[in-house]
Amino acid sequence: MSETKEGGLKEKITGLGQKIIGEVETIGGVLTADPNTQAEGEFNVEVGTVREEVEEELGDDSSVQT
């Protein structure tokens, strides 16, 4: 049972980490005037947001089923 809690925390950190990396890439792309890096950063922010939302929904669903 502790494995489930650790896995959930690890995945939440992963989604947040992806958002942070995306923000850094976006800022780096703006500072270096590199539109590809900026776009990749924006993409990573969006993916991180979606991952967090999915993780929250899956967490809510599994607590209802148990």
PDB file of N, CA and C in Angstrom:
ATOM      1  N   MET A   1       0.822  -1.183   0.000  1.00  0.00           N
ATOM      2  CA  MET A   1       0.000   0.000   0.000  1.00  0.00           C
ATOM      3  C   MET A   1       0.872   1.254   0.000  1.00  0.00           C
ATOM      4  N   SER A   2       2.029   1.209   0.669  1.00  0.00           N
ATOM      5  CA  SER A   2       2.920   2.371   0.674  1.00  0.00           C
ATOM      6  C   SER A   2       3.497   2.630  -0.707  1.00  0.00           C
ATOM      7  N   GLU A   3       3.606   1.569  -1.535  1.00  0.00           N
ATOM      8  CA  GLU A   3       4.101   1.747  -2.894  1.00  0.00           C
ATOM      9  C   GLU A   3       3.161   2.627  -3.701  1.00  0.00           C
ATOM     10  N   THR A   4       1.858   2.475  -3.487  1.00  0.00           N
ATOM     11  CA  THR A   4       0.880   3.286  -4.205  1.00  0.00           C
ATOM     12  C   THR A   4       1.028   4.752  -3.832  1.00  0.00           C
ATOM     13  N   LYS A   5       1.196   5.033  -2.559  1.00  0.00           N
ATOM     14  CA  LYS A   5       1.346   6.421  -2.126  1.00  0.00           C
ATOM     15  C   LYS A   5       2.630   7.031  -2.674  1.00  0.00           C
ATOM     16  N   GLU A   6       3.716   6.288  -2.638  1.00  0.00           N
ATOM     17  CA  GLU A   6       4.984   6.793  -3.158  1.00  0.00           C
ATOM     18  C   GLU A   6       4.889   7.027  -4.654  1.00  0.00           C
ATOM     19  N   GLY A   7       4.269   6.102  -5.378  1.00  0.00           N
ATOM     20  CA  GLY A   7       4.115   6.243  -6.813  1.00  0.00           C
ATOM     21  C   GLY A   7       3.286   7.475  -7.159  1.00  0.00           C
ATOM     22  N   GLY A   8       2.228   7.727  -6.412  1.00  0.00           N
ATOM     23  CA  GLY A   8       1.393   8.892  -6.649  1.00  0.00           C
ATOM     24  C   GLY A   8       2.166  10.175  -6.422  1.00  0.00           C
ATOM     25  N   LEU A   9       2.933  10.241  -5.350  1.00  0.00           N
ATOM     26  CA  LEU A   9       3.729  11.424  -5.061  1.00  0.00           C
ATOM     27  C   LEU A   9       4.796  11.630  -6.126  1.00  0.00           C
ATOM     28  N   LYS A  10       5.421  10.543  -6.538  1.00  0.00           N
ATOM     29  CA  LYS A  10       6.460  10.626  -7.559  1.00  0.00           C
ATOM     30  C   LYS A  10       5.884  11.180  -8.866  1.00  0.00           C
ATOM     31  N   GLU A  11       4.710  10.719  -9.250  1.00  0.00           N
ATOM     32  CA  GLU A  11       4.105  11.182 -10.494  1.00  0.00           C
ATOM     33  C   GLU A  11       3.656  12.634 -10.392  1.00  0.00           C
ATOM     34  N   LYS A  12       3.191  13.071  -9.244  1.00  0.00           N
ATOM     35  CA  LYS A  12       2.820  14.478  -9.075  1.00  0.00           C
ATOM     36  C   LYS A  12       4.046  15.364  -9.204  1.00  0.00           C
ATOM     37  N   ILE A  13       5.144  14.930  -8.628  1.00  0.00           N
ATOM     38  CA  ILE A  13       6.390  15.691  -8.734  1.00  0.00           C
ATOM     39  C   ILE A  13       6.839  15.724 -10.189  1.00  0.00           C
ATOM     40  N   THR A  14       6.634  14.626 -10.906  1.00  0.00           N
ATOM     41  CA  THR A  14       7.023  14.561 -12.308  1.00  0.00           C
ATOM     42  C   THR A  14       6.247  15.576 -13.136  1.00  0.00           C
ATOM     43  N   GLY A  15       4.948  15.681 -12.931  1.00  0.00           N
ATOM     44  CA  GLY A  15       4.137  16.662 -13.658  1.00  0.00           C
ATOM     45  C   GLY A  15       4.566  18.081 -13.334  1.00  0.00           C
ATOM     46  N   LEU A  16       4.806  18.338 -12.064  1.00  0.00           N
ATOM     47  CA  LEU A  16       5.253  19.663 -11.648  1.00  0.00           C
ATOM     48  C   LEU A  16       6.632  19.963 -12.209  1.00  0.00           C
ATOM     49  N   GLY A  17       7.505  18.968 -12.190  1.00  0.00           N
ATOM     50  CA  GLY A  17       8.852  19.144 -12.734  1.00  0.00           C
ATOM     51  C   GLY A  17       8.827  19.474 -14.216  1.00  0.00           C
ATOM     52  N   GLN A  18       7.932  18.830 -14.940  1.00  0.00           N
ATOM     53  CA  GLN A  18       7.837  19.104 -16.369  1.00  0.00           C
ATOM     54  C   GLN A  18       7.357  20.530 -16.613  1.00  0.00           C
ATOM     55  N   LYS A  19       6.448  21.003 -15.778  1.00  0.00           N
ATOM     56  CA  LYS A  19       5.985  22.387 -15.909  1.00  0.00           C
ATOM     57  C   LYS A  19       7.121  23.368 -15.628  1.00  0.00           C
ATOM     58  N   ILE A  20       7.920  23.093 -14.611  1.00  0.00           N
ATOM     59  CA  ILE A  20       9.030  23.977 -14.261  1.00  0.00           C
ATOM     60  C   ILE A  20      10.060  24.013 -15.376  1.00  0.00           C
ATOM     61  N   ILE A  21      10.401  22.842 -15.896  1.00  0.00           N
ATOM     62  CA  ILE A  21      11.364  22.787 -17.004  1.00  0.00           C
ATOM     63  C   ILE A  21      10.811  23.538 -18.211  1.00  0.00           C
ATOM     64  N   GLY A  22       9.533  23.386 -18.461  1.00  0.00           N
ATOM     65  CA  GLY A  22       8.909  24.096 -19.571  1.00  0.00           C
ATOM     66  C   GLY A  22       8.993  25.601 -19.418  1.00  0.00           C
ATOM     67  N   GLU A  23       8.769  26.081 -18.201  1.00  0.00           N
ATOM     68  CA  GLU A  23       8.865  27.526 -17.953  1.00  0.00           C
ATOM     69  C   GLU A  23      10.286  28.022 -18.190  1.00  0.00           C
ATOM     70  N   VAL A  24      11.270  27.251 -17.734  1.00  0.00           N
ATOM     71  CA  VAL A  24      12.668  27.639 -17.931  1.00  0.00           C
ATOM     72  C   VAL A  24      12.996  27.668 -19.419  1.00  0.00           C
ATOM     73  N   GLU A  25      12.539  26.659 -20.160  1.00  0.00           N
ATOM     74  CA  GLU A  25      12.784  26.627 -21.600  1.00  0.00           C
ATOM     75  C   GLU A  25      12.113  27.807 -22.303  1.00  0.00           C
ATOM     76  N   THR A  26      10.908  28.133 -21.883  1.00  0.00           N
ATOM     77  CA  THR A  26      10.202  29.262 -22.482  1.00  0.00           C
ATOM     78  C   THR A  26      10.980  30.554 -22.270  1.00  0.00           C
ATOM     79  N   ILE A  27      11.425  30.775 -21.059  1.00  0.00           N
ATOM     80  CA  ILE A  27      12.202  31.983 -20.757  1.00  0.00           C
ATOM     81  C   ILE A  27      13.511  31.980 -21.541  1.00  0.00           C
ATOM     82  N   GLY A  28      14.170  30.828 -21.605  1.00  0.00           N
ATOM     83  CA  GLY A  28      15.413  30.716 -22.373  1.00  0.00           C
ATOM     84  C   GLY A  28      15.186  31.013 -23.844  1.00  0.00           C
ATOM     85  N   GLY A  29      14.080  30.534 -24.387  1.00  0.00           N
ATOM     86  CA  GLY A  29      13.764  30.806 -25.785  1.00  0.00           C
ATOM     87  C   GLY A  29      13.516  32.271 -26.048  1.00  0.00           C
ATOM     88  N   VAL A  30      12.881  32.939 -25.109  1.00  0.00           N
ATOM     89  CA  VAL A  30      12.635  34.379 -25.255  1.00  0.00           C
ATOM     90  C   VAL A  30      13.958  35.139 -25.175  1.00  0.00           C
ATOM     91  N   LEU A  31      14.786  34.789 -24.203  1.00  0.00           N
ATOM     92  CA  LEU A  31      16.051  35.502 -24.018  1.00  0.00           C
ATOM     93  C   LEU A  31      17.018  35.313 -25.185  1.00  0.00           C
ATOM     94  N   THR A  32      17.007  34.122 -25.784  1.00  0.00           N
ATOM     95  CA  THR A  32      17.918  33.856 -26.895  1.00  0.00           C
ATOM     96  C   THR A  32      17.272  34.080 -28.256  1.00  0.00           C
ATOM     97  N   ALA A  33      16.031  34.511 -28.250  1.00  0.00           N
ATOM     98  CA  ALA A  33      15.264  34.743 -29.486  1.00  0.00           C
ATOM     99  C   ALA A  33      15.189  33.478 -30.333  1.00  0.00           C
ATOM    100  N   ASP A  34      15.022  32.339 -29.667  1.00  0.00           N
ATOM    101  CA  ASP A  34      14.901  31.050 -30.355  1.00  0.00           C
ATOM    102  C   ASP A  34      13.451  30.582 -30.243  1.00  0.00           C
ATOM    103  N   PRO A  35      12.684  30.737 -31.316  1.00  0.00           N
ATOM    104  CA  PRO A  35      11.263  30.371 -31.246  1.00  0.00           C
ATOM    105  C   PRO A  35      11.034  28.875 -31.028  1.00  0.00           C
ATOM    106  N   ASN A  36      11.960  28.029 -31.480  1.00  0.00           N
ATOM    107  CA  ASN A  36      11.794  26.585 -31.274  1.00  0.00           C
ATOM    108  C   ASN A  36      11.896  26.219 -29.799  1.00  0.00           C
ATOM    109  N   THR A  37      12.862  26.787 -29.116  1.00  0.00           N
ATOM    110  CA  THR A  37      13.018  26.522 -27.679  1.00  0.00           C
ATOM    111  C   THR A  37      11.830  27.068 -26.906  1.00  0.00           C
ATOM    112  N   GLN A  38      11.376  28.243 -27.286  1.00  0.00           N
ATOM    113  CA  GLN A  38      10.220  28.842 -26.620  1.00  0.00           C
ATOM    114  C   GLN A  38       8.978  27.966 -26.820  1.00  0.00           C
ATOM    115  N   ALA A  39       8.765  27.495 -28.032  1.00  0.00           N
ATOM    116  CA  ALA A  39       7.608  26.645 -28.310  1.00  0.00           C
ATOM    117  C   ALA A  39       7.702  25.316 -27.563  1.00  0.00           C
ATOM    118  N   GLU A  40       8.889  24.756 -27.484  1.00  0.00           N
ATOM    119  CA  GLU A  40       9.067  23.504 -26.754  1.00  0.00           C
ATOM    120  C   GLU A  40       8.767  23.706 -25.271  1.00  0.00           C
ATOM    121  N   GLY A  41       9.178  24.842 -24.736  1.00  0.00           N
ATOM    122  CA  GLY A  41       8.884  25.143 -23.342  1.00  0.00           C
ATOM    123  C   GLY A  41       7.394  25.276 -23.094  1.00  0.00           C
ATOM    124  N   GLU A  42       6.704  25.966 -23.988  1.00  0.00           N
ATOM    125  CA  GLU A  42       5.258  26.115 -23.842  1.00  0.00           C
ATOM    126  C   GLU A  42       4.567  24.758 -23.918  1.00  0.00           C
ATOM    127  N   PHE A  43       5.061  23.906 -24.818  1.00  0.00           N
ATOM    128  CA  PHE A  43       4.510  22.561 -24.941  1.00  0.00           C
ATOM    129  C   PHE A  43       4.704  21.784 -23.643  1.00  0.00           C
ATOM    130  N   ASN A  44       5.888  21.851 -23.057  1.00  0.00           N
ATOM    131  CA  ASN A  44       6.158  21.129 -21.809  1.00  0.00           C
ATOM    132  C   ASN A  44       5.289  21.634 -20.665  1.00  0.00           C
ATOM    133  N   VAL A  45       5.018  22.928 -20.625  1.00  0.00           N
ATOM    134  CA  VAL A  45       4.139  23.467 -19.597  1.00  0.00           C
ATOM    135  C   VAL A  45       2.745  22.870 -19.754  1.00  0.00           C
ATOM    136  N   GLU A  46       2.244  22.833 -20.984  1.00  0.00           N
ATOM    137  CA  GLU A  46       0.915  22.273 -21.234  1.00  0.00           C
ATOM    138  C   GLU A  46       0.855  20.787 -20.876  1.00  0.00           C
ATOM    139  N   VAL A  47       1.878  20.033 -21.260  1.00  0.00           N
ATOM    140  CA  VAL A  47       1.904  18.600 -20.958  1.00  0.00           C
ATOM    141  C   VAL A  47       1.949  18.384 -19.445  1.00  0.00           C
ATOM    142  N   GLY A  48       2.745  19.186 -18.748  1.00  0.00           N
ATOM    143  CA  GLY A  48       2.808  19.075 -17.292  1.00  0.00           C
ATOM    144  C   GLY A  48       1.466  19.355 -16.641  1.00  0.00           C
ATOM    145  N   THR A  49       0.754  20.343 -17.164  1.00  0.00           N
ATOM    146  CA  THR A  49      -0.568  20.678 -16.638  1.00  0.00           C
ATOM    147  C   THR A  49      -1.543  19.530 -16.866  1.00  0.00           C
ATOM    148  N   VAL A  50      -1.532  18.974 -18.059  1.00  0.00           N
ATOM    149  CA  VAL A  50      -2.424  17.859 -18.372  1.00  0.00           C
ATOM    150  C   VAL A  50      -2.099  16.652 -17.504  1.00  0.00           C
ATOM    151  N   ARG A  51      -0.802  16.374 -17.323  1.00  0.00           N
ATOM    152  CA  ARG A  51      -0.417  15.232 -16.482  1.00  0.00           C
ATOM    153  C   ARG A  51      -0.933  15.403 -15.062  1.00  0.00           C
ATOM    154  N   GLU A  52      -0.813  16.604 -14.516  1.00  0.00           N
ATOM    155  CA  GLU A  52      -1.307  16.841 -13.154  1.00  0.00           C
ATOM    156  C   GLU A  52      -2.815  16.640 -13.074  1.00  0.00           C
ATOM    157  N   GLU A  53      -3.542  17.135 -14.085  1.00  0.00           N
ATOM    158  CA  GLU A  53      -4.996  16.977 -14.085  1.00  0.00           C
ATOM    159  C   GLU A  53      -5.396  15.511 -14.169  1.00  0.00           C
ATOM    160  N   VAL A  54      -4.733  14.761 -15.030  1.00  0.00           N
ATOM    161  CA  VAL A  54      -5.037  13.342 -15.175  1.00  0.00           C
ATOM    162  C   VAL A  54      -4.712  12.595 -13.886  1.00  0.00           C
ATOM    163  N   GLU A  55      -3.584  12.912 -13.276  1.00  0.00           N
ATOM    164  CA  GLU A  55      -3.200  12.259 -12.031  1.00  0.00           C
ATOM    165  C   GLU A  55      -4.219  12.537 -10.928  1.00  0.00           C
ATOM    166  N   GLU A  56      -4.722  13.770 -10.874  1.00  0.00           N
ATOM    167  CA  GLU A  56      -5.723  14.103  -9.862  1.00  0.00           C
ATOM    168  C   GLU A  56      -7.019  13.337 -10.115  1.00  0.00           C
ATOM    169  N   GLU A  57      -7.439  13.263 -11.391  1.00  0.00           N
ATOM    170  CA  GLU A  57      -8.657  12.532 -11.709  1.00  0.00           C
ATOM    171  C   GLU A  57      -8.517  11.053 -11.421  1.00  0.00           C
ATOM    172  N   LEU A  58      -7.366  10.470 -11.756  1.00  0.00           N
ATOM    173  CA  LEU A  58      -7.147   9.062 -11.476  1.00  0.00           C
ATOM    174  C   LEU A  58      -7.115   8.817  -9.973  1.00  0.00           C
ATOM    175  N   GLY A  59      -6.539   9.731  -9.232  1.00  0.00           N
ATOM    176  CA  GLY A  59      -6.498   9.610  -7.782  1.00  0.00           C
ATOM    177  C   GLY A  59      -7.897   9.674  -7.189  1.00  0.00           C
ATOM    178  N   ASP A  60      -8.727  10.563  -7.723  1.00  0.00           N
ATOM    179  CA  ASP A  60     -10.108  10.678  -7.243  1.00  0.00           C
ATOM    180  C   ASP A  60     -10.899   9.427  -7.575  1.00  0.00           C
ATOM    181  N   ASP A  61     -10.728   8.894  -8.782  1.00  0.00           N
ATOM    182  CA  ASP A  61     -11.454   7.697  -9.208  1.00  0.00           C
ATOM    183  C   ASP A  61     -11.066   6.484  -8.390  1.00  0.00           C
ATOM    184  N   SER A  62      -9.775   6.308  -8.104  1.00  0.00           N
ATOM    185  CA  SER A  62      -9.355   5.127  -7.363  1.00  0.00           C
ATOM    186  C   SER A  62      -9.824   5.181  -5.907  1.00  0.00           C
ATOM    187  N   SER A  63      -9.963   6.362  -5.347  1.00  0.00           N
ATOM    188  CA  SER A  63     -10.450   6.444  -3.974  1.00  0.00           C
ATOM    189  C   SER A  63     -11.942   6.127  -3.914  1.00  0.00           C
ATOM    190  N   VAL A  64     -12.679   6.420  -4.989  1.00  0.00           N
ATOM    191  CA  VAL A  64     -14.105   6.114  -5.037  1.00  0.00           C
ATOM    192  C   VAL A  64     -14.319   4.614  -5.195  1.00  0.00           C
ATOM    193  N   GLN A  65     -13.481   3.960  -5.993  1.00  0.00           N
ATOM    194  CA  GLN A  65     -13.654   2.538  -6.262  1.00  0.00           C
ATOM    195  C   GLN A  65     -13.259   1.668  -5.072  1.00  0.00           C
ATOM    196  N   THR A  66     -12.388   2.123  -4.195  1.00  0.00           N
ATOM    197  CA  THR A  66     -11.911   1.289  -3.096  1.00  0.00           C
ATOM    198  C   THR A  66     -12.824   1.228  -1.951  1.00  0.00           C
TER     199      THR A  66
END
